[in-house]
C-alpha cells in the first residue's frame, strides 16, 4: 500500500515537472520570437536612420 502511494506521488511529481518544463519551453519560444521581431525592427530603424543621415549630408 505504501509503495502504491509512493508511486502515485512520484507520478504526480513527474507530471507536475513536465507541465512546468513545457510552460518554460513555451515562454522561451515566445521570448525568442519577440527578440527576433525586435531585432528586425531595430535593423529597419537603423537602415532608415542611415538613409536620413545620407539625405541630410546631401542637403549640406
C-alpha atoms as a PDB file:
ATOM      1  CA  UNK A   1       0.000   0.000   0.000  1.00  0.00           C
ATOM      2  CA  UNK A   2       2.821   2.389   0.864  1.00  0.00           C
ATOM      3  CA  UNK A   3       4.550   1.528  -2.412  1.00  0.00           C
ATOM      4  CA  UNK A   4       1.410   2.407  -4.394  1.00  0.00           C
ATOM      5  CA  UNK A   5       1.178   5.757  -2.591  1.00  0.00           C
ATOM      6  CA  UNK A   6       4.847   6.464  -3.298  1.00  0.00           C
ATOM      7  CA  UNK A   7       4.418   5.600  -6.979  1.00  0.00           C
ATOM      8  CA  UNK A   8       1.343   7.825  -7.253  1.00  0.00           C
ATOM      9  CA  UNK A   9       3.236  10.700  -5.626  1.00  0.00           C
ATOM     10  CA  UNK A  10       6.200  10.146  -7.955  1.00  0.00           C
ATOM     11  CA  UNK A  11       3.845  10.122 -10.949  1.00  0.00           C
ATOM     12  CA  UNK A  12       2.263  13.413  -9.851  1.00  0.00           C
ATOM     13  CA  UNK A  13       5.690  14.966  -9.259  1.00  0.00           C
ATOM     14  CA  UNK A  14       6.843  13.875 -12.716  1.00  0.00           C
ATOM     15  CA  UNK A  15       3.641  15.145 -14.321  1.00  0.00           C
ATOM     16  CA  UNK A  16       3.952  18.478 -12.491  1.00  0.00           C
ATOM     17  CA  UNK A  17       7.609  18.788 -13.545  1.00  0.00           C
ATOM     18  CA  UNK A  18       6.762  18.054 -17.177  1.00  0.00           C
ATOM     19  CA  UNK A  19       3.972  20.648 -17.138  1.00  0.00           C
ATOM     20  CA  UNK A  20       6.344  23.253 -15.703  1.00  0.00           C
ATOM     21  CA  UNK A  21       9.011  22.307 -18.243  1.00  0.00           C
ATOM     22  CA  UNK A  22       6.530  22.587 -21.119  1.00  0.00           C
ATOM     23  CA  UNK A  23       5.420  26.001 -19.853  1.00  0.00           C
ATOM     24  CA  UNK A  24       9.041  27.126 -19.625  1.00  0.00           C
ATOM     25  CA  UNK A  25       9.728  25.994 -23.192  1.00  0.00           C
ATOM     26  CA  UNK A  26       6.674  27.904 -24.430  1.00  0.00           C
ATOM     27  CA  UNK A  27       7.831  31.034 -22.625  1.00  0.00           C
ATOM     28  CA  UNK A  28      11.301  30.673 -24.107  1.00  0.00           C
ATOM     29  CA  UNK A  29       9.809  30.284 -27.585  1.00  0.00           C
ATOM     30  CA  UNK A  30       7.722  33.417 -27.082  1.00  0.00           C
ATOM     31  CA  UNK A  31      10.795  35.361 -25.969  1.00  0.00           C
ATOM     32  CA  UNK A  32      12.823  34.136 -28.927  1.00  0.00           C
ATOM     33  CA  UNK A  33      10.086  35.270 -31.318  1.00  0.00           C
ATOM     34  CA  UNK A  34       9.814  38.640 -29.584  1.00  0.00           C
ATOM     35  CA  UNK A  35      13.591  39.146 -29.631  1.00  0.00           C
ATOM     36  CA  UNK A  36      13.706  38.257 -33.319  1.00  0.00           C
ATOM     37  CA  UNK A  37      10.898  40.718 -34.076  1.00  0.00           C
ATOM     38  CA  UNK A  38      12.574  43.478 -32.054  1.00  0.00           C
ATOM     39  CA  UNK A  39      15.948  42.837 -33.712  1.00  0.00           C
ATOM     40  CA  UNK A  40      14.321  43.047 -37.124  1.00  0.00           C
ATOM     41  CA  UNK A  41      12.639  46.349 -36.213  1.00  0.00           C
ATOM     42  CA  UNK A  42      15.893  47.725 -34.822  1.00  0.00           C
ATOM     43  CA  UNK A  43      17.690  46.825 -38.051  1.00  0.00           C
ATOM     44  CA  UNK A  44      14.980  48.563 -40.097  1.00  0.00           C
ATOM     45  CA  UNK A  45      15.211  51.679 -37.922  1.00  0.00           C
ATOM     46  CA  UNK A  46      18.987  51.751 -38.298  1.00  0.00           C
ATOM     47  CA  UNK A  47      18.626  51.472 -42.071  1.00  0.00           C
ATOM     48  CA  UNK A  48      16.172  54.379 -42.130  1.00  0.00           C
ATOM     49  CA  UNK A  49      18.497  56.416 -39.911  1.00  0.00           C
ATOM     50  CA  UNK A  50      21.365  55.831 -42.335  1.00  0.00           C
ATOM     51  CA  UNK A  51      19.158  56.919 -45.237  1.00  0.00           C
ATOM     52  CA  UNK A  52      18.144  60.071 -43.378  1.00  0.00           C
ATOM     53  CA  UNK A  53      21.746  60.852 -42.465  1.00  0.00           C
ATOM     54  CA  UNK A  54      22.752  60.443 -46.094  1.00  0.00           C
ATOM     55  CA  UNK A  55      19.908  62.726 -47.249  1.00  0.00           C
ATOM     56  CA  UNK A  56      20.960  65.379 -44.735  1.00  0.00           C
ATOM     57  CA  UNK A  57      24.562  65.164 -45.913  1.00  0.00           C
ATOM     58  CA  UNK A  58      23.400  65.706 -49.492  1.00  0.00           C
ATOM     59  CA  UNK A  59      21.462  68.804 -48.381  1.00  0.00           C
ATOM     60  CA  UNK A  60      24.554  70.325 -46.748  1.00  0.00           C
END
